[in-house]
Amino acid sequence: MKNINKAELVDAVATKTDLSKKEVTAVIETLIDKITEEMRKGNKVTITGFGIFKTSKRAARVGRNPQTGAAIKIAASTVPKFSAGKGLKEAVK
């Protein structure tokens, strides 16, 4: 299995669309920034056929230090979540 990083994604999109790498980089960074901004506000971002980016609240809880077994408090937090859409699920079957 090969991992693709941002630079390889930019190269692939630039090749397929005949746009410059600079233009593609700007588009991808803007997309990531906008999704992040909306999630920070607590909004859900839906890209039909691809998936849904959203946030979820995690309650405070007690965990264990694996080395000592001592109980530690884990603070409540908000975490990002992604749910794959039908089109993406079908594409990777």
PDB file of N, CA and C in Angstrom:
ATOM      1  N   MET A   1       0.850  -1.173   0.000  1.00  0.00           N
ATOM      2  CA  MET A   1       0.000   0.000   0.000  1.00  0.00           C
ATOM      3  C   MET A   1       0.898   1.239   0.000  1.00  0.00           C
ATOM      4  N   LYS A   2       0.587   2.179  -0.859  1.00  0.00           N
ATOM      5  CA  LYS A   2       1.382   3.394  -0.973  1.00  0.00           C
ATOM      6  C   LYS A   2       0.616   4.566  -0.369  1.00  0.00           C
ATOM      7  N   ASN A   3       1.314   5.377   0.391  1.00  0.00           N
ATOM      8  CA  ASN A   3       0.733   6.608   0.910  1.00  0.00           C
ATOM      9  C   ASN A   3       1.021   7.727  -0.078  1.00  0.00           C
ATOM     10  N   ILE A   4       0.063   8.619  -0.251  1.00  0.00           N
ATOM     11  CA  ILE A   4       0.246   9.762  -1.131  1.00  0.00           C
ATOM     12  C   ILE A   4       0.263  11.012  -0.272  1.00  0.00           C
ATOM     13  N   ASN A   5       1.296  11.824  -0.443  1.00  0.00           N
ATOM     14  CA  ASN A   5       1.373  13.059   0.324  1.00  0.00           C
ATOM     15  C   ASN A   5       0.800  14.217  -0.495  1.00  0.00           C
ATOM     16  N   LYS A   6       0.796  15.385   0.091  1.00  0.00           N
ATOM     17  CA  LYS A   6       0.196  16.557  -0.540  1.00  0.00           C
ATOM     18  C   LYS A   6       0.888  16.904  -1.859  1.00  0.00           C
ATOM     19  N   ALA A   7       2.218  16.820  -1.896  1.00  0.00           N
ATOM     20  CA  ALA A   7       2.965  17.155  -3.112  1.00  0.00           C
ATOM     21  C   ALA A   7       2.591  16.211  -4.257  1.00  0.00           C
ATOM     22  N   GLU A   8       2.444  14.920  -3.954  1.00  0.00           N
ATOM     23  CA  GLU A   8       2.061  13.953  -4.990  1.00  0.00           C
ATOM     24  C   GLU A   8       0.626  14.184  -5.456  1.00  0.00           C
ATOM     25  N   LEU A   9      -0.236  14.582  -4.543  1.00  0.00           N
ATOM     26  CA  LEU A   9      -1.613  14.911  -4.901  1.00  0.00           C
ATOM     27  C   LEU A   9      -1.638  16.129  -5.827  1.00  0.00           C
ATOM     28  N   VAL A  10      -0.862  17.144  -5.496  1.00  0.00           N
ATOM     29  CA  VAL A  10      -0.771  18.351  -6.330  1.00  0.00           C
ATOM     30  C   VAL A  10      -0.270  17.976  -7.727  1.00  0.00           C
ATOM     31  N   ASP A  11       0.768  17.156  -7.803  1.00  0.00           N
ATOM     32  CA  ASP A  11       1.304  16.719  -9.101  1.00  0.00           C
ATOM     33  C   ASP A  11       0.242  16.006  -9.932  1.00  0.00           C
ATOM     34  N   ALA A  12      -0.494  15.096  -9.304  1.00  0.00           N
ATOM     35  CA  ALA A  12      -1.509  14.325 -10.011  1.00  0.00           C
ATOM     36  C   ALA A  12      -2.633  15.219 -10.537  1.00  0.00           C
ATOM     37  N   VAL A  13      -3.103  16.133  -9.702  1.00  0.00           N
ATOM     38  CA  VAL A  13      -4.192  17.030 -10.121  1.00  0.00           C
ATOM     39  C   VAL A  13      -3.699  17.983 -11.214  1.00  0.00           C
ATOM     40  N   ALA A  14      -2.487  18.494 -11.082  1.00  0.00           N
ATOM     41  CA  ALA A  14      -1.928  19.405 -12.087  1.00  0.00           C
ATOM     42  C   ALA A  14      -1.806  18.705 -13.436  1.00  0.00           C
ATOM     43  N   THR A  15      -1.366  17.474 -13.419  1.00  0.00           N
ATOM     44  CA  THR A  15      -1.219  16.710 -14.663  1.00  0.00           C
ATOM     45  C   THR A  15      -2.572  16.441 -15.312  1.00  0.00           C
ATOM     46  N   LYS A  16      -3.543  16.077 -14.506  1.00  0.00           N
ATOM     47  CA  LYS A  16      -4.862  15.724 -15.033  1.00  0.00           C
ATOM     48  C   LYS A  16      -5.642  16.942 -15.516  1.00  0.00           C
ATOM     49  N   THR A  17      -5.429  18.110 -14.917  1.00  0.00           N
ATOM     50  CA  THR A  17      -6.240  19.289 -15.237  1.00  0.00           C
ATOM     51  C   THR A  17      -5.521  20.314 -16.107  1.00  0.00           C
ATOM     52  N   ASP A  18      -4.249  20.108 -16.363  1.00  0.00           N
ATOM     53  CA  ASP A  18      -3.436  21.075 -17.114  1.00  0.00           C
ATOM     54  C   ASP A  18      -3.354  22.426 -16.416  1.00  0.00           C
ATOM     55  N   LEU A  19      -3.514  22.442 -15.102  1.00  0.00           N
ATOM     56  CA  LEU A  19      -3.299  23.649 -14.312  1.00  0.00           C
ATOM     57  C   LEU A  19      -1.878  23.612 -13.781  1.00  0.00           C
ATOM     58  N   SER A  20      -1.355  24.782 -13.404  1.00  0.00           N
ATOM     59  CA  SER A  20      -0.012  24.815 -12.843  1.00  0.00           C
ATOM     60  C   SER A  20      -0.037  24.252 -11.428  1.00  0.00           C
ATOM     61  N   LYS A  21       1.124  23.794 -10.980  1.00  0.00           N
ATOM     62  CA  LYS A  21       1.223  23.266  -9.613  1.00  0.00           C
ATOM     63  C   LYS A  21       0.896  24.355  -8.602  1.00  0.00           C
ATOM     64  N   LYS A  22       1.263  25.582  -8.920  1.00  0.00           N
ATOM     65  CA  LYS A  22       0.988  26.709  -8.017  1.00  0.00           C
ATOM     66  C   LYS A  22      -0.516  26.914  -7.873  1.00  0.00           C
ATOM     67  N   GLU A  23      -1.251  26.828  -8.971  1.00  0.00           N
ATOM     68  CA  GLU A  23      -2.706  26.996  -8.932  1.00  0.00           C
ATOM     69  C   GLU A  23      -3.370  25.849  -8.167  1.00  0.00           C
ATOM     70  N   VAL A  24      -2.940  24.641  -8.438  1.00  0.00           N
ATOM     71  CA  VAL A  24      -3.511  23.478  -7.767  1.00  0.00           C
ATOM     72  C   VAL A  24      -3.223  23.528  -6.275  1.00  0.00           C
ATOM     73  N   THR A  25      -2.008  23.903  -5.909  1.00  0.00           N
ATOM     74  CA  THR A  25      -1.647  24.031  -4.494  1.00  0.00           C
ATOM     75  C   THR A  25      -2.555  25.039  -3.809  1.00  0.00           C
ATOM     76  N   ALA A  26      -2.811  26.166  -4.459  1.00  0.00           N
ATOM     77  CA  ALA A  26      -3.682  27.201  -3.885  1.00  0.00           C
ATOM     78  C   ALA A  26      -5.096  26.665  -3.689  1.00  0.00           C
ATOM     79  N   VAL A  27      -5.592  25.913  -4.655  1.00  0.00           N
ATOM     80  CA  VAL A  27      -6.948  25.361  -4.562  1.00  0.00           C
ATOM     81  C   VAL A  27      -7.033  24.346  -3.413  1.00  0.00           C
ATOM     82  N   ILE A  28      -6.064  23.438  -3.334  1.00  0.00           N
ATOM     83  CA  ILE A  28      -6.088  22.414  -2.288  1.00  0.00           C
ATOM     84  C   ILE A  28      -5.955  23.051  -0.907  1.00  0.00           C
ATOM     85  N   GLU A  29      -5.054  24.019  -0.760  1.00  0.00           N
ATOM     86  CA  GLU A  29      -4.892  24.698   0.532  1.00  0.00           C
ATOM     87  C   GLU A  29      -6.144  25.462   0.922  1.00  0.00           C
ATOM     88  N   THR A  30      -6.794  26.097  -0.051  1.00  0.00           N
ATOM     89  CA  THR A  30      -8.038  26.816   0.222  1.00  0.00           C
ATOM     90  C   THR A  30      -9.129  25.851   0.651  1.00  0.00           C
ATOM     91  N   LEU A  31      -9.222  24.710  -0.018  1.00  0.00           N
ATOM     92  CA  LEU A  31     -10.209  23.693   0.346  1.00  0.00           C
ATOM     93  C   LEU A  31      -9.987  23.213   1.781  1.00  0.00           C
ATOM     94  N   ILE A  32      -8.761  22.890   2.116  1.00  0.00           N
ATOM     95  CA  ILE A  32      -8.440  22.422   3.470  1.00  0.00           C
ATOM     96  C   ILE A  32      -8.734  23.511   4.497  1.00  0.00           C
ATOM     97  N   ASP A  33      -8.343  24.749   4.194  1.00  0.00           N
ATOM     98  CA  ASP A  33      -8.594  25.867   5.114  1.00  0.00           C
ATOM     99  C   ASP A  33     -10.087  26.072   5.350  1.00  0.00           C
ATOM    100  N   LYS A  34     -10.882  25.997   4.290  1.00  0.00           N
ATOM    101  CA  LYS A  34     -12.329  26.222   4.413  1.00  0.00           C
ATOM    102  C   LYS A  34     -12.995  25.098   5.210  1.00  0.00           C
ATOM    103  N   ILE A  35     -12.611  23.855   4.945  1.00  0.00           N
ATOM    104  CA  ILE A  35     -13.167  22.736   5.710  1.00  0.00           C
ATOM    105  C   ILE A  35     -12.799  22.884   7.182  1.00  0.00           C
ATOM    106  N   THR A  36     -11.540  23.226   7.452  1.00  0.00           N
ATOM    107  CA  THR A  36     -11.081  23.409   8.831  1.00  0.00           C
ATOM    108  C   THR A  36     -11.833  24.541   9.520  1.00  0.00           C
ATOM    109  N   GLU A  37     -12.004  25.649   8.822  1.00  0.00           N
ATOM    110  CA  GLU A  37     -12.710  26.814   9.379  1.00  0.00           C
ATOM    111  C   GLU A  37     -14.149  26.461   9.740  1.00  0.00           C
ATOM    112  N   GLU A  38     -14.835  25.773   8.854  1.00  0.00           N
ATOM    113  CA  GLU A  38     -16.231  25.408   9.117  1.00  0.00           C
ATOM    114  C   GLU A  38     -16.336  24.411  10.270  1.00  0.00           C
ATOM    115  N   MET A  39     -15.421  23.459  10.334  1.00  0.00           N
ATOM    116  CA  MET A  39     -15.440  22.491  11.437  1.00  0.00           C
ATOM    117  C   MET A  39     -15.123  23.170  12.760  1.00  0.00           C
ATOM    118  N   ARG A  40     -14.234  24.148  12.730  1.00  0.00           N
ATOM    119  CA  ARG A  40     -13.904  24.897  13.952  1.00  0.00           C
ATOM    120  C   ARG A  40     -15.139  25.607  14.486  1.00  0.00           C
ATOM    121  N   LYS A  41     -16.021  26.039  13.584  1.00  0.00           N
ATOM    122  CA  LYS A  41     -17.266  26.702  13.979  1.00  0.00           C
ATOM    123  C   LYS A  41     -18.328  25.698  14.439  1.00  0.00           C
ATOM    124  N   GLY A  42     -18.050  24.407  14.270  1.00  0.00           N
ATOM    125  CA  GLY A  42     -19.010  23.377  14.645  1.00  0.00           C
ATOM    126  C   GLY A  42     -19.926  22.982  13.504  1.00  0.00           C
ATOM    127  N   ASN A  43     -19.633  23.469  12.297  1.00  0.00           N
ATOM    128  CA  ASN A  43     -20.460  23.149  11.132  1.00  0.00           C
ATOM    129  C   ASN A  43     -20.021  21.842  10.490  1.00  0.00           C
ATOM    130  N   LYS A  44     -20.925  21.250   9.760  1.00  0.00           N
ATOM    131  CA  LYS A  44     -20.675  20.016   9.026  1.00  0.00           C
ATOM    132  C   LYS A  44     -20.418  20.392   7.566  1.00  0.00           C
ATOM    133  N   VAL A  45     -19.427  19.762   6.930  1.00  0.00           N
ATOM    134  CA  VAL A  45     -19.124  20.009   5.519  1.00  0.00           C
ATOM    135  C   VAL A  45     -19.417  18.728   4.749  1.00  0.00           C
ATOM    136  N   THR A  46     -20.367  18.819   3.807  1.00  0.00           N
ATOM    137  CA  THR A  46     -20.760  17.654   3.015  1.00  0.00           C
ATOM    138  C   THR A  46     -20.290  17.832   1.587  1.00  0.00           C
ATOM    139  N   ILE A  47     -19.535  16.858   1.100  1.00  0.00           N
ATOM    140  CA  ILE A  47     -19.144  16.814  -0.305  1.00  0.00           C
ATOM    141  C   ILE A  47     -19.866  15.585  -0.864  1.00  0.00           C
ATOM    142  N   THR A  48     -20.949  15.836  -1.577  1.00  0.00           N
ATOM    143  CA  THR A  48     -21.822  14.776  -2.059  1.00  0.00           C
ATOM    144  C   THR A  48     -21.032  13.738  -2.849  1.00  0.00           C
ATOM    145  N   GLY A  49     -21.243  12.477  -2.495  1.00  0.00           N
ATOM    146  CA  GLY A  49     -20.564  11.377  -3.152  1.00  0.00           C
ATOM    147  C   GLY A  49     -19.201  11.061  -2.563  1.00  0.00           C
ATOM    148  N   PHE A  50     -18.642  11.996  -1.812  1.00  0.00           N
ATOM    149  CA  PHE A  50     -17.325  11.776  -1.203  1.00  0.00           C
ATOM    150  C   PHE A  50     -17.440  11.510   0.282  1.00  0.00           C
ATOM    151  N   GLY A  51     -18.040  12.447   1.018  1.00  0.00           N
ATOM    152  CA  GLY A  51     -18.193  12.221   2.446  1.00  0.00           C
ATOM    153  C   GLY A  51     -18.562  13.463   3.219  1.00  0.00           C
ATOM    154  N   ILE A  52     -18.604  13.295   4.533  1.00  0.00           N
ATOM    155  CA  ILE A  52     -18.999  14.363   5.450  1.00  0.00           C
ATOM    156  C   ILE A  52     -17.898  14.571   6.486  1.00  0.00           C
ATOM    157  N   PHE A  53     -17.468  15.817   6.607  1.00  0.00           N
ATOM    158  CA  PHE A  53     -16.519  16.211   7.644  1.00  0.00           C
ATOM    159  C   PHE A  53     -17.329  16.865   8.756  1.00  0.00           C
ATOM    160  N   LYS A  54     -17.136  16.413   9.994  1.00  0.00           N
ATOM    161  CA  LYS A  54     -17.878  16.979  11.113  1.00  0.00           C
ATOM    162  C   LYS A  54     -17.051  16.864  12.381  1.00  0.00           C
ATOM    163  N   THR A  55     -17.571  17.449  13.451  1.00  0.00           N
ATOM    164  CA  THR A  55     -16.895  17.349  14.745  1.00  0.00           C
ATOM    165  C   THR A  55     -17.760  16.550  15.704  1.00  0.00           C
ATOM    166  N   SER A  56     -17.118  16.013  16.709  1.00  0.00           N
ATOM    167  CA  SER A  56     -17.820  15.239  17.725  1.00  0.00           C
ATOM    168  C   SER A  56     -17.240  15.617  19.081  1.00  0.00           C
ATOM    169  N   LYS A  57     -18.094  15.685  20.068  1.00  0.00           N
ATOM    170  CA  LYS A  57     -17.651  15.999  21.433  1.00  0.00           C
ATOM    171  C   LYS A  57     -17.281  14.715  22.157  1.00  0.00           C
ATOM    172  N   ARG A  58     -16.163  14.737  22.839  1.00  0.00           N
ATOM    173  CA  ARG A  58     -15.744  13.615  23.684  1.00  0.00           C
ATOM    174  C   ARG A  58     -15.839  14.058  25.131  1.00  0.00           C
ATOM    175  N   ALA A  59     -16.528  13.307  25.916  1.00  0.00           N
ATOM    176  CA  ALA A  59     -16.702  13.638  27.327  1.00  0.00           C
ATOM    177  C   ALA A  59     -15.390  13.403  28.084  1.00  0.00           C
ATOM    178  N   ALA A  60     -15.262  14.092  29.212  1.00  0.00           N
ATOM    179  CA  ALA A  60     -14.114  13.860  30.089  1.00  0.00           C
ATOM    180  C   ALA A  60     -14.207  12.441  30.623  1.00  0.00           C
ATOM    181  N   ARG A  61     -13.067  11.825  30.819  1.00  0.00           N
ATOM    182  CA  ARG A  61     -13.078  10.443  31.303  1.00  0.00           C
ATOM    183  C   ARG A  61     -11.804  10.148  32.085  1.00  0.00           C
ATOM    184  N   VAL A  62     -11.807   9.012  32.722  1.00  0.00           N
ATOM    185  CA  VAL A  62     -10.633   8.573  33.477  1.00  0.00           C
ATOM    186  C   VAL A  62      -9.929   7.498  32.661  1.00  0.00           C
ATOM    187  N   GLY A  63      -8.638   7.678  32.452  1.00  0.00           N
ATOM    188  CA  GLY A  63      -7.841   6.697  31.735  1.00  0.00           C
ATOM    189  C   GLY A  63      -6.785   6.116  32.662  1.00  0.00           C
ATOM    190  N   ARG A  64      -5.968   5.254  32.123  1.00  0.00           N
ATOM    191  CA  ARG A  64      -4.903   4.621  32.909  1.00  0.00           C
ATOM    192  C   ARG A  64      -3.569   4.838  32.221  1.00  0.00           C
ATOM    193  N   ASN A  65      -2.557   5.176  33.027  1.00  0.00           N
ATOM    194  CA  ASN A  65      -1.203   5.253  32.518  1.00  0.00           C
ATOM    195  C   ASN A  65      -0.740   3.816  32.293  1.00  0.00           C
ATOM    196  N   PRO A  66      -0.398   3.447  31.041  1.00  0.00           N
ATOM    197  CA  PRO A  66      -0.058   2.051  30.781  1.00  0.00           C
ATOM    198  C   PRO A  66       1.220   1.578  31.487  1.00  0.00           C
ATOM    199  N   GLN A  67       2.108   2.492  31.828  1.00  0.00           N
ATOM    200  CA  GLN A  67       3.352   2.090  32.503  1.00  0.00           C
ATOM    201  C   GLN A  67       3.164   1.856  33.994  1.00  0.00           C
ATOM    202  N   THR A  68       2.346   2.730  34.627  1.00  0.00           N
ATOM    203  CA  THR A  68       2.196   2.641  36.083  1.00  0.00           C
ATOM    204  C   THR A  68       0.831   2.116  36.520  1.00  0.00           C
ATOM    205  N   GLY A  69      -0.147   2.193  35.625  1.00  0.00           N
ATOM    206  CA  GLY A  69      -1.496   1.777  35.989  1.00  0.00           C
ATOM    207  C   GLY A  69      -2.247   2.837  36.772  1.00  0.00           C
ATOM    208  N   ALA A  70      -1.606   3.993  36.995  1.00  0.00           N
ATOM    209  CA  ALA A  70      -2.240   5.073  37.749  1.00  0.00           C
ATOM    210  C   ALA A  70      -3.380   5.684  36.941  1.00  0.00           C
ATOM    211  N   ALA A  71      -4.454   6.062  37.631  1.00  0.00           N
ATOM    212  CA  ALA A  71      -5.594   6.716  36.987  1.00  0.00           C
ATOM    213  C   ALA A  71      -5.208   8.146  36.620  1.00  0.00           C
ATOM    214  N   ILE A  72      -5.579   8.568  35.406  1.00  0.00           N
ATOM    215  CA  ILE A  72      -5.344   9.946  34.978  1.00  0.00           C
ATOM    216  C   ILE A  72      -6.641  10.495  34.410  1.00  0.00           C
ATOM    217  N   LYS A  73      -6.841  11.796  34.590  1.00  0.00           N
ATOM    218  CA  LYS A  73      -8.035  12.450  34.059  1.00  0.00           C
ATOM    219  C   LYS A  73      -7.742  12.886  32.629  1.00  0.00           C
ATOM    220  N   ILE A  74      -8.632  12.534  31.728  1.00  0.00           N
ATOM    221  CA  ILE A  74      -8.538  12.966  30.339  1.00  0.00           C
ATOM    222  C   ILE A  74      -9.640  13.997  30.134  1.00  0.00           C
ATOM    223  N   ALA A  75      -9.245  15.192  29.738  1.00  0.00           N
ATOM    224  CA  ALA A  75     -10.189  16.300  29.596  1.00  0.00           C
ATOM    225  C   ALA A  75     -11.147  16.076  28.428  1.00  0.00           C
ATOM    226  N   ALA A  76     -12.302  16.729  28.509  1.00  0.00           N
ATOM    227  CA  ALA A  76     -13.261  16.703  27.405  1.00  0.00           C
ATOM    228  C   ALA A  76     -12.626  17.401  26.212  1.00  0.00           C
ATOM    229  N   SER A  77     -12.996  16.977  25.015  1.00  0.00           N
ATOM    230  CA  SER A  77     -12.426  17.592  23.823  1.00  0.00           C
ATOM    231  C   SER A  77     -13.391  17.475  22.649  1.00  0.00           C
ATOM    232  N   THR A  78     -13.106  18.236  21.623  1.00  0.00           N
ATOM    233  CA  THR A  78     -13.840  18.159  20.364  1.00  0.00           C
ATOM    234  C   THR A  78     -12.885  17.560  19.350  1.00  0.00           C
ATOM    235  N   VAL A  79     -13.332  16.534  18.635  1.00  0.00           N
ATOM    236  CA  VAL A  79     -12.468  15.846  17.685  1.00  0.00           C
ATOM    237  C   VAL A  79     -13.092  15.853  16.289  1.00  0.00           C
ATOM    238  N   PRO A  80     -12.246  15.876  15.246  1.00  0.00           N
ATOM    239  CA  PRO A  80     -12.779  15.819  13.887  1.00  0.00           C
ATOM    240  C   PRO A  80     -13.173  14.393  13.521  1.00  0.00           C
ATOM    241  N   LYS A  81     -14.215  14.278  12.693  1.00  0.00           N
ATOM    242  CA  LYS A  81     -14.671  12.973  12.213  1.00  0.00           C
ATOM    243  C   LYS A  81     -14.936  13.074  10.722  1.00  0.00           C
ATOM    244  N   PHE A  82     -14.760  11.963  10.031  1.00  0.00           N
ATOM    245  CA  PHE A  82     -15.068  11.888   8.605  1.00  0.00           C
ATOM    246  C   PHE A  82     -15.915  10.651   8.369  1.00  0.00           C
ATOM    247  N   SER A  83     -17.010  10.819   7.658  1.00  0.00           N
ATOM    248  CA  SER A  83     -17.857   9.693   7.268  1.00  0.00           C
ATOM    249  C   SER A  83     -17.832   9.604   5.751  1.00  0.00           C
ATOM    250  N   ALA A  84     -17.414   8.465   5.234  1.00  0.00           N
ATOM    251  CA  ALA A  84     -17.346   8.284   3.787  1.00  0.00           C
ATOM    252  C   ALA A  84     -18.737   8.266   3.182  1.00  0.00           C
ATOM    253  N   GLY A  85     -18.862   8.893   2.015  1.00  0.00           N
ATOM    254  CA  GLY A  85     -20.127   8.896   1.291  1.00  0.00           C
ATOM    255  C   GLY A  85     -20.289   7.637   0.461  1.00  0.00           C
ATOM    256  N   LYS A  86     -21.472   7.459  -0.080  1.00  0.00           N
ATOM    257  CA  LYS A  86     -21.783   6.259  -0.848  1.00  0.00           C
ATOM    258  C   LYS A  86     -20.847   6.090  -2.045  1.00  0.00           C
ATOM    259  N   GLY A  87     -20.572   7.166  -2.760  1.00  0.00           N
ATOM    260  CA  GLY A  87     -19.703   7.084  -3.928  1.00  0.00           C
ATOM    261  C   GLY A  87     -18.300   6.620  -3.580  1.00  0.00           C
ATOM    262  N   LEU A  88     -17.759   7.125  -2.486  1.00  0.00           N
ATOM    263  CA  LEU A  88     -16.421   6.738  -2.045  1.00  0.00           C
ATOM    264  C   LEU A  88     -16.417   5.291  -1.580  1.00  0.00           C
ATOM    265  N   LYS A  89     -17.442   4.898  -0.849  1.00  0.00           N
ATOM    266  CA  LYS A  89     -17.537   3.516  -0.376  1.00  0.00           C
ATOM    267  C   LYS A  89     -17.578   2.539  -1.544  1.00  0.00           C
ATOM    268  N   GLU A  90     -18.365   2.869  -2.548  1.00  0.00           N
ATOM    269  CA  GLU A  90     -18.471   2.007  -3.724  1.00  0.00           C
ATOM    270  C   GLU A  90     -17.157   1.950  -4.503  1.00  0.00           C
ATOM    271  N   ALA A  91     -16.458   3.068  -4.569  1.00  0.00           N
ATOM    272  CA  ALA A  91     -15.213   3.141  -5.343  1.00  0.00           C
ATOM    273  C   ALA A  91     -14.098   2.298  -4.746  1.00  0.00           C
ATOM    274  N   VAL A  92     -14.088   2.122  -3.429  1.00  0.00           N
ATOM    275  CA  VAL A  92     -12.991   1.392  -2.787  1.00  0.00           C
ATOM    276  C   VAL A  92     -13.333  -0.068  -2.481  1.00  0.00           C
ATOM    277  N   LYS A  93     -14.515  -0.515  -2.835  1.00  0.00           N
ATOM    278  CA  LYS A  93     -14.892  -1.915  -2.598  1.00  0.00           C
ATOM    279  C   LYS A  93     -14.004  -2.845  -3.369  1.00  0.00           C
TER     280      LYS A  93
END
